[in-house]
C-alpha atoms as a PDB file:
ATOM      1  CA  MET A   1     -78.776-127.110-121.621  1.00  0.00           C
ATOM      2  CA  ASN A   2     -78.181-123.455-121.568  1.00  0.00           C
ATOM      3  CA  ALA A   3     -80.719-120.651-122.711  1.00  0.00           C
ATOM      4  CA  PHE A   4     -78.624-119.953-125.780  1.00  0.00           C
ATOM      5  CA  ALA A   5     -78.577-123.400-126.893  1.00  0.00           C
ATOM      6  CA  LYS A   6     -82.329-123.469-126.661  1.00  0.00           C
ATOM      7  CA  SER A   7     -82.463-120.502-128.745  1.00  0.00           C
ATOM      8  CA  LEU A   8     -80.849-122.441-131.767  1.00  0.00           C
ATOM      9  CA  ILE A   9     -82.533-125.583-131.247  1.00  0.00           C
ATOM     10  CA  ALA A  10     -85.728-123.093-131.936  1.00  0.00           C
ATOM     11  CA  LEU A  11     -84.349-121.772-135.217  1.00  0.00           C
ATOM     12  CA  SER A  12     -84.236-125.628-136.104  1.00  0.00           C
ATOM     13  CA  ALA A  13     -88.074-125.465-135.394  1.00  0.00           C
ATOM     14  CA  VAL A  14     -88.542-122.290-137.184  1.00  0.00           C
ATOM     15  CA  ALA A  15     -86.962-123.623-140.328  1.00  0.00           C
ATOM     16  CA  ALA A  16     -88.730-127.246-139.823  1.00  0.00           C
ATOM     17  CA  PHE A  17     -85.824-128.886-138.961  1.00  0.00           C
ATOM     18  CA  ALA A  18     -86.862-132.592-137.728  1.00  0.00           C
ATOM     19  CA  GLY A  19     -84.599-135.263-136.662  1.00  0.00           C
ATOM     20  CA  ALA A  20     -81.188-136.325-137.239  1.00  0.00           C
ATOM     21  CA  ALA A  21     -79.561-135.757-140.427  1.00  0.00           C
ATOM     22  CA  SER A  22     -76.599-137.161-142.497  1.00  0.00           C
ATOM     23  CA  ALA A  23     -73.179-137.451-140.880  1.00  0.00           C
ATOM     24  CA  ALA A  24     -71.228-134.503-141.239  1.00  0.00           C
ATOM     25  CA  GLN A  25     -69.132-134.141-144.064  1.00  0.00           C
ATOM     26  CA  LYS A  26     -65.439-135.398-143.776  1.00  0.00           C
ATOM     27  CA  ALA A  27     -63.196-131.795-143.759  1.00  0.00           C
ATOM     28  CA  THR A  28     -60.781-131.656-146.510  1.00  0.00           C
ATOM     29  CA  ALA A  29     -57.204-131.090-145.417  1.00  0.00           C
ATOM     30  CA  ALA A  30     -55.783-127.854-146.841  1.00  0.00           C
ATOM     31  CA  LYS A  31     -52.405-127.083-147.944  1.00  0.00           C
ATOM     32  CA  PRO A  32     -50.855-124.845-145.715  1.00  0.00           C
ATOM     33  CA  ALA A  33     -49.189-123.151-148.267  1.00  0.00           C
ATOM     34  CA  VAL A  34     -50.395-119.568-149.753  1.00  0.00           C
ATOM     35  CA  ALA A  35     -52.108-119.922-152.779  1.00  0.00           C
ATOM     36  CA  ALA A  36     -50.335-118.234-155.590  1.00  0.00           C
ATOM     37  CA  ALA A  37     -52.862-115.800-157.196  1.00  0.00           C
ATOM     38  CA  GLN A  38     -53.042-113.211-159.842  1.00  0.00           C
ATOM     39  CA  PRO A  39     -55.680-110.697-160.205  1.00  0.00           C
ATOM     40  CA  ALA A  40     -57.674-111.043-163.477  1.00  0.00           C
ATOM     41  CA  GLY A  41     -59.995-108.082-163.655  1.00  0.00           C
ATOM     42  CA  SER A  42     -62.389-108.513-160.294  1.00  0.00           C
ATOM     43  CA  TYR A  43     -60.938-111.930-159.810  1.00  0.00           C
ATOM     44  CA  VAL A  44     -58.143-113.710-157.905  1.00  0.00           C
ATOM     45  CA  THR A  45     -57.246-117.172-159.086  1.00  0.00           C
ATOM     46  CA  THR A  46     -55.815-119.342-156.181  1.00  0.00           C
ATOM     47  CA  LYS A  47     -53.344-121.833-156.876  1.00  0.00           C
ATOM     48  CA  ASP A  48     -55.882-124.903-157.008  1.00  0.00           C
ATOM     49  CA  GLY A  49     -57.799-123.188-159.440  1.00  0.00           C
ATOM     50  CA  VAL A  50     -60.509-121.433-157.603  1.00  0.00           C
ATOM     51  CA  GLN A  51     -61.568-117.909-158.904  1.00  0.00           C
ATOM     52  CA  LEU A  52     -62.518-115.460-156.246  1.00  0.00           C
ATOM     53  CA  TYR A  53     -64.524-112.588-156.959  1.00  0.00           C
ATOM     54  CA  TYR A  54     -63.522-109.416-155.030  1.00  0.00           C
ATOM     55  CA  LYS A  55     -64.479-105.634-154.839  1.00  0.00           C
ATOM     56  CA  ASP A  56     -62.102-103.097-154.317  1.00  0.00           C
ATOM     57  CA  TRP A  57     -63.439 -99.814-153.265  1.00  0.00           C
ATOM     58  CA  GLY A  58     -62.267 -96.311-152.042  1.00  0.00           C
ATOM     59  CA  PRO A  59     -58.853 -94.552-152.727  1.00  0.00           C
ATOM     60  CA  ARG A  60     -55.937 -96.790-153.436  1.00  0.00           C
ATOM     61  CA  ASP A  61     -53.709 -94.791-150.961  1.00  0.00           C
ATOM     62  CA  GLY A  62     -56.093 -95.174-148.336  1.00  0.00           C
ATOM     63  CA  GLN A  63     -55.683 -97.361-144.903  1.00  0.00           C
ATOM     64  CA  PRO A  64     -57.070-100.987-146.380  1.00  0.00           C
ATOM     65  CA  VAL A  65     -59.912-102.709-144.641  1.00  0.00           C
ATOM     66  CA  ILE A  66     -60.700-106.198-145.428  1.00  0.00           C
ATOM     67  CA  PHE A  67     -64.005-107.843-145.075  1.00  0.00           C
ATOM     68  CA  SER A  68     -64.868-111.500-144.661  1.00  0.00           C
ATOM     69  CA  HIS A  69     -68.477-112.296-144.886  1.00  0.00           C
ATOM     70  CA  GLY A  70     -70.982-114.800-142.923  1.00  0.00           C
ATOM     71  CA  TRP A  71     -72.680-117.957-144.217  1.00  0.00           C
ATOM     72  CA  PRO A  72     -74.065-118.313-146.699  1.00  0.00           C
ATOM     73  CA  LEU A  73     -73.764-114.921-147.855  1.00  0.00           C
ATOM     74  CA  ASP A  74     -71.307-112.830-150.125  1.00  0.00           C
ATOM     75  CA  SER A  75     -69.177-109.713-149.908  1.00  0.00           C
ATOM     76  CA  ASP A  76     -72.406-107.707-150.711  1.00  0.00           C
ATOM     77  CA  SER A  77     -73.476-108.394-147.228  1.00  0.00           C
ATOM     78  CA  TRP A  78     -70.939-105.608-146.268  1.00  0.00           C
ATOM     79  CA  GLU A  79     -71.964-102.936-148.665  1.00  0.00           C
ATOM     80  CA  SER A  80     -73.243-100.471-146.065  1.00  0.00           C
ATOM     81  CA  GLN A  81     -69.766-100.650-143.917  1.00  0.00           C
ATOM     82  CA  MET A  82     -67.534-100.424-147.175  1.00  0.00           C
ATOM     83  CA  LEU A  83     -69.633 -97.702-148.612  1.00  0.00           C
ATOM     84  CA  PHE A  84     -69.441 -95.821-145.355  1.00  0.00           C
ATOM     85  CA  LEU A  85     -65.615 -96.215-144.781  1.00  0.00           C
ATOM     86  CA  ALA A  86     -64.713 -95.741-148.308  1.00  0.00           C
ATOM     87  CA  ASP A  87     -66.377 -92.237-148.222  1.00  0.00           C
ATOM     88  CA  HIS A  88     -64.313 -91.671-145.116  1.00  0.00           C
ATOM     89  CA  GLY A  89     -61.026 -92.024-147.069  1.00  0.00           C
ATOM     90  CA  TYR A  90     -60.305 -95.969-146.459  1.00  0.00           C
ATOM     91  CA  ARG A  91     -59.462 -98.525-149.160  1.00  0.00           C
ATOM     92  CA  VAL A  92     -62.284-101.094-148.598  1.00  0.00           C
ATOM     93  CA  ILE A  93     -61.902-104.585-150.040  1.00  0.00           C
ATOM     94  CA  ALA A  94     -63.970-107.789-149.623  1.00  0.00           C
ATOM     95  CA  HIS A  95     -64.328-111.265-151.548  1.00  0.00           C
ATOM     96  CA  ASP A  96     -66.772-113.858-151.998  1.00  0.00           C
ATOM     97  CA  ARG A  97     -65.623-116.938-150.292  1.00  0.00           C
ATOM     98  CA  ARG A  98     -65.121-119.886-152.438  1.00  0.00           C
ATOM     99  CA  GLY A  99     -68.421-121.608-153.178  1.00  0.00           C
ATOM    100  CA  HIS A 100     -70.275-118.447-152.348  1.00  0.00           C
ATOM    101  CA  GLY A 101     -71.620-115.533-154.218  1.00  0.00           C
ATOM    102  CA  ARG A 102     -69.808-115.104-157.755  1.00  0.00           C
ATOM    103  CA  SER A 103     -66.705-117.332-156.733  1.00  0.00           C
ATOM    104  CA  SER A 104     -66.047-120.486-158.346  1.00  0.00           C
ATOM    105  CA  GLN A 105     -67.998-123.456-156.361  1.00  0.00           C
ATOM    106  CA  PRO A 106     -65.165-126.249-156.126  1.00  0.00           C
ATOM    107  CA  TRP A 107     -66.222-129.640-154.701  1.00  0.00           C
ATOM    108  CA  ASP A 108     -63.790-129.808-152.456  1.00  0.00           C
ATOM    109  CA  GLY A 109     -61.678-127.418-149.890  1.00  0.00           C
ATOM    110  CA  ASN A 110     -64.783-125.888-148.199  1.00  0.00           C
ATOM    111  CA  ASP A 111     -63.068-125.761-144.722  1.00  0.00           C
ATOM    112  CA  MET A 112     -61.583-123.046-142.809  1.00  0.00           C
ATOM    113  CA  ASP A 113     -57.795-124.055-143.696  1.00  0.00           C
ATOM    114  CA  HIS A 114     -58.687-123.156-147.380  1.00  0.00           C
ATOM    115  CA  TYR A 115     -60.905-120.078-146.599  1.00  0.00           C
ATOM    116  CA  ALA A 116     -57.703-118.503-144.710  1.00  0.00           C
ATOM    117  CA  ASP A 117     -55.360-119.297-147.327  1.00  0.00           C
ATOM    118  CA  ASP A 118     -57.798-117.752-150.097  1.00  0.00           C
ATOM    119  CA  LEU A 119     -57.833-114.751-147.926  1.00  0.00           C
ATOM    120  CA  ALA A 120     -54.018-114.779-148.134  1.00  0.00           C
ATOM    121  CA  ALA A 121     -54.368-115.112-151.348  1.00  0.00           C
ATOM    122  CA  VAL A 122     -56.445-112.213-152.023  1.00  0.00           C
ATOM    123  CA  ILE A 123     -54.372-109.973-149.653  1.00  0.00           C
ATOM    124  CA  GLN A 124     -51.182-111.065-151.847  1.00  0.00           C
ATOM    125  CA  ALA A 125     -53.080-110.193-155.110  1.00  0.00           C
ATOM    126  CA  VAL A 126     -54.796-106.465-154.330  1.00  0.00           C
ATOM    127  CA  ASN A 127     -51.221-105.451-153.488  1.00  0.00           C
ATOM    128  CA  LEU A 128     -51.405-103.420-150.001  1.00  0.00           C
ATOM    129  CA  LYS A 129     -48.681-101.088-151.181  1.00  0.00           C
ATOM    130  CA  GLY A 130     -46.621-101.551-147.902  1.00  0.00           C
ATOM    131  CA  LYS A 131     -49.861-100.990-145.748  1.00  0.00           C
ATOM    132  CA  LYS A 132     -51.309-103.160-143.407  1.00  0.00           C
ATOM    133  CA  ALA A 133     -54.681-104.134-143.420  1.00  0.00           C
ATOM    134  CA  VAL A 134     -57.559-104.047-140.777  1.00  0.00           C
ATOM    135  CA  LEU A 135     -59.252-107.423-140.945  1.00  0.00           C
ATOM    136  CA  VAL A 136     -62.834-107.514-140.154  1.00  0.00           C
ATOM    137  CA  GLY A 137     -64.632-110.700-140.110  1.00  0.00           C
ATOM    138  CA  PHE A 138     -68.692-111.404-139.585  1.00  0.00           C
ATOM    139  CA  SER A 139     -69.759-114.583-138.118  1.00  0.00           C
ATOM    140  CA  THR A 140     -68.024-117.491-140.303  1.00  0.00           C
ATOM    141  CA  GLY A 141     -65.947-114.611-141.722  1.00  0.00           C
ATOM    142  CA  GLY A 142     -64.689-113.965-138.045  1.00  0.00           C
ATOM    143  CA  GLY A 143     -63.596-117.747-138.121  1.00  0.00           C
ATOM    144  CA  GLU A 144     -62.064-117.309-141.619  1.00  0.00           C
ATOM    145  CA  VAL A 145     -60.042-114.180-139.709  1.00  0.00           C
ATOM    146  CA  ALA A 146     -58.694-116.140-136.972  1.00  0.00           C
ATOM    147  CA  ARG A 147     -57.597-119.036-138.839  1.00  0.00           C
ATOM    148  CA  TYR A 148     -55.735-116.594-141.238  1.00  0.00           C
ATOM    149  CA  ILE A 149     -53.816-115.213-138.307  1.00  0.00           C
ATOM    150  CA  GLY A 150     -53.387-118.637-137.297  1.00  0.00           C
ATOM    151  CA  ARG A 151     -52.007-119.803-140.296  1.00  0.00           C
ATOM    152  CA  HIS A 152     -50.041-116.712-141.952  1.00  0.00           C
ATOM    153  CA  GLY A 153     -49.580-114.515-138.685  1.00  0.00           C
ATOM    154  CA  THR A 154     -50.258-110.765-138.397  1.00  0.00           C
ATOM    155  CA  GLY A 155     -47.269-109.785-140.296  1.00  0.00           C
ATOM    156  CA  GLN A 156     -49.648-107.706-143.077  1.00  0.00           C
ATOM    157  CA  VAL A 157     -52.446-106.831-140.090  1.00  0.00           C
ATOM    158  CA  ALA A 158     -52.910-103.652-138.288  1.00  0.00           C
ATOM    159  CA  LYS A 159     -55.798-104.480-136.322  1.00  0.00           C
ATOM    160  CA  VAL A 160     -58.607-107.022-136.354  1.00  0.00           C
ATOM    161  CA  VAL A 161     -62.603-106.774-135.651  1.00  0.00           C
ATOM    162  CA  LEU A 162     -64.602-109.653-134.771  1.00  0.00           C
ATOM    163  CA  VAL A 163     -68.354-108.997-135.718  1.00  0.00           C
ATOM    164  CA  SER A 164     -71.131-111.849-134.343  1.00  0.00           C
ATOM    165  CA  ALA A 165     -68.144-114.034-135.005  1.00  0.00           C
ATOM    166  CA  VAL A 166     -68.177-117.654-134.536  1.00  0.00           C
ATOM    167  CA  PRO A 167     -64.800-118.213-132.518  1.00  0.00           C
ATOM    168  CA  PRO A 168     -63.696-119.963-130.451  1.00  0.00           C
ATOM    169  CA  GLN A 169     -66.132-122.791-131.192  1.00  0.00           C
ATOM    170  CA  MET A 170     -69.993-123.265-131.495  1.00  0.00           C
ATOM    171  CA  VAL A 171     -70.525-127.124-131.247  1.00  0.00           C
ATOM    172  CA  LYS A 172     -70.544-128.596-127.679  1.00  0.00           C
ATOM    173  CA  GLY A 173     -68.165-131.012-126.610  1.00  0.00           C
ATOM    174  CA  LYS A 174     -65.814-132.061-123.952  1.00  0.00           C
ATOM    175  CA  VAL A 175     -63.815-128.879-124.394  1.00  0.00           C
ATOM    176  CA  ASN A 176     -66.743-126.738-124.864  1.00  0.00           C
ATOM    177  CA  PRO A 177     -69.574-127.979-122.724  1.00  0.00           C
ATOM    178  CA  ASN A 178     -71.673-125.044-122.978  1.00  0.00           C
ATOM    179  CA  GLY A 179     -71.710-125.256-126.844  1.00  0.00           C
ATOM    180  CA  VAL A 180     -74.571-125.683-128.906  1.00  0.00           C
ATOM    181  CA  PRO A 181     -75.573-129.344-129.538  1.00  0.00           C
ATOM    182  CA  ILE A 182     -74.583-131.259-132.788  1.00  0.00           C
ATOM    183  CA  GLU A 183     -78.133-132.118-133.436  1.00  0.00           C
ATOM    184  CA  VAL A 184     -78.574-128.619-133.971  1.00  0.00           C
ATOM    185  CA  PHE A 185     -76.391-128.281-136.683  1.00  0.00           C
ATOM    186  CA  ASP A 186     -77.381-131.635-138.309  1.00  0.00           C
ATOM    187  CA  GLY A 187     -81.057-130.111-138.423  1.00  0.00           C
ATOM    188  CA  LEU A 188     -79.645-127.267-140.178  1.00  0.00           C
ATOM    189  CA  ARG A 189     -78.245-129.708-142.735  1.00  0.00           C
ATOM    190  CA  LYS A 190     -81.172-131.744-143.127  1.00  0.00           C
ATOM    191  CA  ALA A 191     -83.355-128.699-143.702  1.00  0.00           C
ATOM    192  CA  GLN A 192     -80.711-127.554-146.212  1.00  0.00           C
ATOM    193  CA  ILE A 193     -80.870-130.714-148.295  1.00  0.00           C
ATOM    194  CA  GLU A 194     -84.660-130.807-148.000  1.00  0.00           C
ATOM    195  CA  ASN A 195     -85.474-127.376-149.245  1.00  0.00           C
ATOM    196  CA  ARG A 196     -82.451-124.839-149.272  1.00  0.00           C
ATOM    197  CA  SER A 197     -84.516-122.013-150.555  1.00  0.00           C
ATOM    198  CA  GLN A 198     -87.009-122.074-147.729  1.00  0.00           C
ATOM    199  CA  LEU A 199     -84.377-122.782-145.012  1.00  0.00           C
ATOM    200  CA  TYR A 200     -82.638-119.539-146.130  1.00  0.00           C
ATOM    201  CA  LYS A 201     -86.144-117.635-146.084  1.00  0.00           C
ATOM    202  CA  ASP A 202     -86.878-118.973-142.516  1.00  0.00           C
ATOM    203  CA  ILE A 203     -83.517-117.829-141.487  1.00  0.00           C
ATOM    204  CA  ALA A 204     -83.786-114.297-142.558  1.00  0.00           C
ATOM    205  CA  SER A 205     -87.426-113.921-141.708  1.00  0.00           C
ATOM    206  CA  GLY A 206     -86.848-115.216-138.291  1.00  0.00           C
ATOM    207  CA  PRO A 207     -83.848-115.435-135.964  1.00  0.00           C
ATOM    208  CA  PHE A 208     -80.903-113.840-138.184  1.00  0.00           C
ATOM    209  CA  TYR A 209     -82.332-110.388-137.693  1.00  0.00           C
ATOM    210  CA  GLY A 210     -84.608-110.991-134.761  1.00  0.00           C
ATOM    211  CA  PHE A 211     -87.502-110.642-136.657  1.00  0.00           C
ATOM    212  CA  ASN A 212     -89.074-113.422-134.876  1.00  0.00           C
ATOM    213  CA  ARG A 213     -88.982-111.173-131.545  1.00  0.00           C
ATOM    214  CA  PRO A 214     -92.296-109.720-130.192  1.00  0.00           C
ATOM    215  CA  GLY A 215     -93.058-106.443-131.678  1.00  0.00           C
ATOM    216  CA  ALA A 216     -90.407-106.968-134.483  1.00  0.00           C
ATOM    217  CA  LYS A 217     -90.903-104.986-137.677  1.00  0.00           C
ATOM    218  CA  VAL A 218     -89.823-107.271-140.680  1.00  0.00           C
ATOM    219  CA  SER A 219     -88.127-105.536-143.548  1.00  0.00           C
ATOM    220  CA  GLN A 220     -88.940-107.749-146.738  1.00  0.00           C
ATOM    221  CA  GLY A 221     -86.057-106.230-148.501  1.00  0.00           C
ATOM    222  CA  LEU A 222     -83.429-107.632-146.092  1.00  0.00           C
ATOM    223  CA  VAL A 223     -85.024-110.776-146.027  1.00  0.00           C
ATOM    224  CA  ASP A 224     -85.053-111.205-149.917  1.00  0.00           C
ATOM    225  CA  ASN A 225     -81.440-109.818-150.028  1.00  0.00           C
ATOM    226  CA  TRP A 226     -80.084-112.421-148.011  1.00  0.00           C
ATOM    227  CA  TRP A 227     -82.253-115.148-149.642  1.00  0.00           C
ATOM    228  CA  LEU A 228     -80.547-113.939-152.852  1.00  0.00           C
ATOM    229  CA  GLN A 229     -77.067-113.759-151.752  1.00  0.00           C
ATOM    230  CA  GLY A 230     -77.475-117.461-150.027  1.00  0.00           C
ATOM    231  CA  MET A 231     -79.186-119.079-153.509  1.00  0.00           C
ATOM    232  CA  ALA A 232     -76.028-117.695-155.340  1.00  0.00           C
ATOM    233  CA  GLY A 233     -73.911-120.031-153.368  1.00  0.00           C
ATOM    234  CA  GLY A 234     -73.167-123.464-154.136  1.00  0.00           C
ATOM    235  CA  HIS A 235     -75.433-125.980-152.470  1.00  0.00           C
ATOM    236  CA  LYS A 236     -72.535-128.323-151.705  1.00  0.00           C
ATOM    237  CA  ASN A 237     -70.130-125.310-150.694  1.00  0.00           C
ATOM    238  CA  THR A 238     -72.790-123.925-148.188  1.00  0.00           C
ATOM    239  CA  LEU A 239     -73.477-127.169-146.957  1.00  0.00           C
ATOM    240  CA  ASP A 240     -70.135-128.361-146.224  1.00  0.00           C
ATOM    241  CA  SER A 241     -69.372-124.594-144.721  1.00  0.00           C
ATOM    242  CA  ILE A 242     -72.009-125.460-141.711  1.00  0.00           C
ATOM    243  CA  LYS A 243     -69.306-128.122-140.491  1.00  0.00           C
ATOM    244  CA  ALA A 244     -66.522-125.530-141.020  1.00  0.00           C
ATOM    245  CA  PHE A 245     -68.246-122.761-139.070  1.00  0.00           C
ATOM    246  CA  SER A 246     -69.776-124.755-136.392  1.00  0.00           C
ATOM    247  CA  GLU A 247     -67.121-127.546-135.560  1.00  0.00           C
ATOM    248  CA  THR A 248     -63.900-125.819-136.085  1.00  0.00           C
ATOM    249  CA  ASP A 249     -62.016-124.897-132.971  1.00  0.00           C
ATOM    250  CA  PHE A 250     -60.260-121.367-133.134  1.00  0.00           C
ATOM    251  CA  THR A 251     -58.879-121.566-129.640  1.00  0.00           C
ATOM    252  CA  GLU A 252     -55.151-121.477-130.611  1.00  0.00           C
ATOM    253  CA  ASP A 253     -55.537-119.226-133.471  1.00  0.00           C
ATOM    254  CA  LEU A 254     -57.292-116.487-131.231  1.00  0.00           C
ATOM    255  CA  LYS A 255     -54.251-116.811-128.782  1.00  0.00           C
ATOM    256  CA  LYS A 256     -51.967-115.781-131.778  1.00  0.00           C
ATOM    257  CA  PHE A 257     -53.446-112.489-131.979  1.00  0.00           C
ATOM    258  CA  ASP A 258     -50.922-109.789-131.171  1.00  0.00           C
ATOM    259  CA  VAL A 259     -52.753-106.513-132.683  1.00  0.00           C
ATOM    260  CA  PRO A 260     -55.077-104.389-131.441  1.00  0.00           C
ATOM    261  CA  THR A 261     -58.510-106.194-131.529  1.00  0.00           C
ATOM    262  CA  LEU A 262     -62.310-105.195-131.254  1.00  0.00           C
ATOM    263  CA  VAL A 263     -64.880-107.842-130.580  1.00  0.00           C
ATOM    264  CA  ILE A 264     -68.536-106.689-131.208  1.00  0.00           C
ATOM    265  CA  HIS A 265     -71.553-108.740-130.428  1.00  0.00           C
ATOM    266  CA  GLY A 266     -75.314-108.396-129.915  1.00  0.00           C
ATOM    267  CA  ASP A 267     -76.646-109.737-126.543  1.00  0.00           C
ATOM    268  CA  ASP A 268     -79.788-111.307-128.372  1.00  0.00           C
ATOM    269  CA  ASP A 269     -77.830-113.204-130.960  1.00  0.00           C
ATOM    270  CA  GLN A 270     -79.894-116.099-131.587  1.00  0.00           C
ATOM    271  CA  ILE A 271     -77.449-117.728-134.093  1.00  0.00           C
ATOM    272  CA  VAL A 272     -74.118-117.257-132.331  1.00  0.00           C
ATOM    273  CA  PRO A 273     -74.617-117.254-128.755  1.00  0.00           C
ATOM    274  CA  ILE A 274     -72.851-114.430-127.211  1.00  0.00           C
ATOM    275  CA  ASP A 275     -71.495-116.178-124.062  1.00  0.00           C
ATOM    276  CA  ILE A 276     -69.699-119.016-126.286  1.00  0.00           C
ATOM    277  CA  SER A 277     -68.245-116.450-128.897  1.00  0.00           C
ATOM    278  CA  GLY A 278     -67.941-112.970-128.547  1.00  0.00           C
ATOM    279  CA  LYS A 279     -67.190-112.923-124.776  1.00  0.00           C
ATOM    280  CA  ALA A 280     -65.244-116.091-124.550  1.00  0.00           C
ATOM    281  CA  SER A 281     -62.949-114.726-127.657  1.00  0.00           C
ATOM    282  CA  ALA A 282     -62.684-111.200-125.954  1.00  0.00           C
ATOM    283  CA  LYS A 283     -61.041-113.243-122.876  1.00  0.00           C
ATOM    284  CA  LEU A 284     -58.600-115.393-125.333  1.00  0.00           C
ATOM    285  CA  VAL A 285     -57.309-112.222-127.229  1.00  0.00           C
ATOM    286  CA  LYS A 286     -55.042-110.293-124.949  1.00  0.00           C
ATOM    287  CA  GLY A 287     -56.101-106.810-124.440  1.00  0.00           C
ATOM    288  CA  ALA A 288     -59.267-107.239-126.620  1.00  0.00           C
ATOM    289  CA  GLN A 289     -61.985-104.692-126.589  1.00  0.00           C
ATOM    290  CA  LEU A 290     -65.490-105.954-126.262  1.00  0.00           C
ATOM    291  CA  ILE A 291     -68.466-104.221-127.286  1.00  0.00           C
ATOM    292  CA  VAL A 292     -71.957-105.630-126.523  1.00  0.00           C
ATOM    293  CA  TYR A 293     -74.922-104.148-128.389  1.00  0.00           C
ATOM    294  CA  ALA A 294     -77.819-104.529-125.953  1.00  0.00           C
ATOM    295  CA  GLY A 295     -80.729-105.982-127.969  1.00  0.00           C
ATOM    296  CA  ALA A 296     -78.985-106.673-131.077  1.00  0.00           C
ATOM    297  CA  PRO A 297     -79.617-109.568-133.208  1.00  0.00           C
ATOM    298  CA  HIS A 298     -76.907-111.664-135.216  1.00  0.00           C
ATOM    299  CA  GLY A 299     -77.470-109.602-138.197  1.00  0.00           C
ATOM    300  CA  LEU A 300     -76.220-106.081-136.713  1.00  0.00           C
ATOM    301  CA  THR A 301     -74.266-105.072-139.720  1.00  0.00           C
ATOM    302  CA  ASP A 302     -77.779-104.169-141.247  1.00  0.00           C
ATOM    303  CA  THR A 303     -80.048-103.699-137.974  1.00  0.00           C
ATOM    304  CA  HIS A 304     -77.415-101.723-136.080  1.00  0.00           C
ATOM    305  CA  LYS A 305     -75.592-100.423-139.249  1.00  0.00           C
ATOM    306  CA  GLU A 306     -74.964 -96.719-138.130  1.00  0.00           C
ATOM    307  CA  ARG A 307     -73.683 -97.684-134.705  1.00  0.00           C
ATOM    308  CA  LEU A 308     -71.501-100.315-136.133  1.00  0.00           C
ATOM    309  CA  ASN A 309     -70.114 -98.012-138.840  1.00  0.00           C
ATOM    310  CA  GLN A 310     -69.241 -95.541-136.164  1.00  0.00           C
ATOM    311  CA  ASP A 311     -67.553 -98.112-134.030  1.00  0.00           C
ATOM    312  CA  LEU A 312     -65.520 -99.404-137.000  1.00  0.00           C
ATOM    313  CA  LEU A 313     -64.460 -95.827-138.028  1.00  0.00           C
ATOM    314  CA  GLU A 314     -63.448 -94.965-134.116  1.00  0.00           C
ATOM    315  CA  PHE A 315     -61.760 -98.401-133.869  1.00  0.00           C
ATOM    316  CA  ILE A 316     -59.647 -97.786-137.061  1.00  0.00           C
ATOM    317  CA  ARG A 317     -58.481 -94.553-136.492  1.00  0.00           C
ATOM    318  CA  LYS A 318     -57.221 -94.983-133.102  1.00  0.00           C
END
């Protein structure tokens, strides 16, 4: 077992994971058609009746930048990047994934195919006014962006940024021998079922921001905000999403990228190990640029936000 897999197993211990958990939930097959949607205030209603909350900041004539968030968070997790880019003249858009934040909590459809089609519905509803968007995905959101391109292409995409993202695939298997053992994700499911609130506090106060590292200064504000966003999501939705972000294979989706792509990842990411994710994705996407943040944790959108903001701005302006 490699060091990165061991670090995620350590996460199980931090969160009091014990033993094997219930079997992974069966993925609900998604319909490939784009969900027809009409904006209603700050919501888009998809074809299957799910209401997706979204925010749309900055000048309407600016270059659109669309953000997809991580598990189990919501669009508020992007507020530092959105405020920064909006202040620089960009139109920034982010939605709460189905079952997360202020969006509906459907029992079914908590899988990457539905996530991708929901993103397509948001893009359709907000009216990009003929402009192509820069898609930015963090962690699970990186998988959402990859699957969106795999299912819907890059016709409305100018560029892509994957930040601490889960592709190509996290779980260990025959085609991914260096991945993370399924027992780690079973433990994560077990911990969520037993005490979701405590699990979210343990992740945020530990490996997500690297607060478990020697000498780290814990920000209680970041911990509280992470917990608050996580608890706003649906229990069933965030539970199902563990399977979605860990077991989905995005290899073929990444091969369909044909626009400029930037991959950003911290080399001390204890949640999504860089060797099986950021570095592997950069190899699969033709011409992709990889930027490694030395010593950065998974949650670098907050811990390294000044550097990330500048890197995003520079890449978008090219």
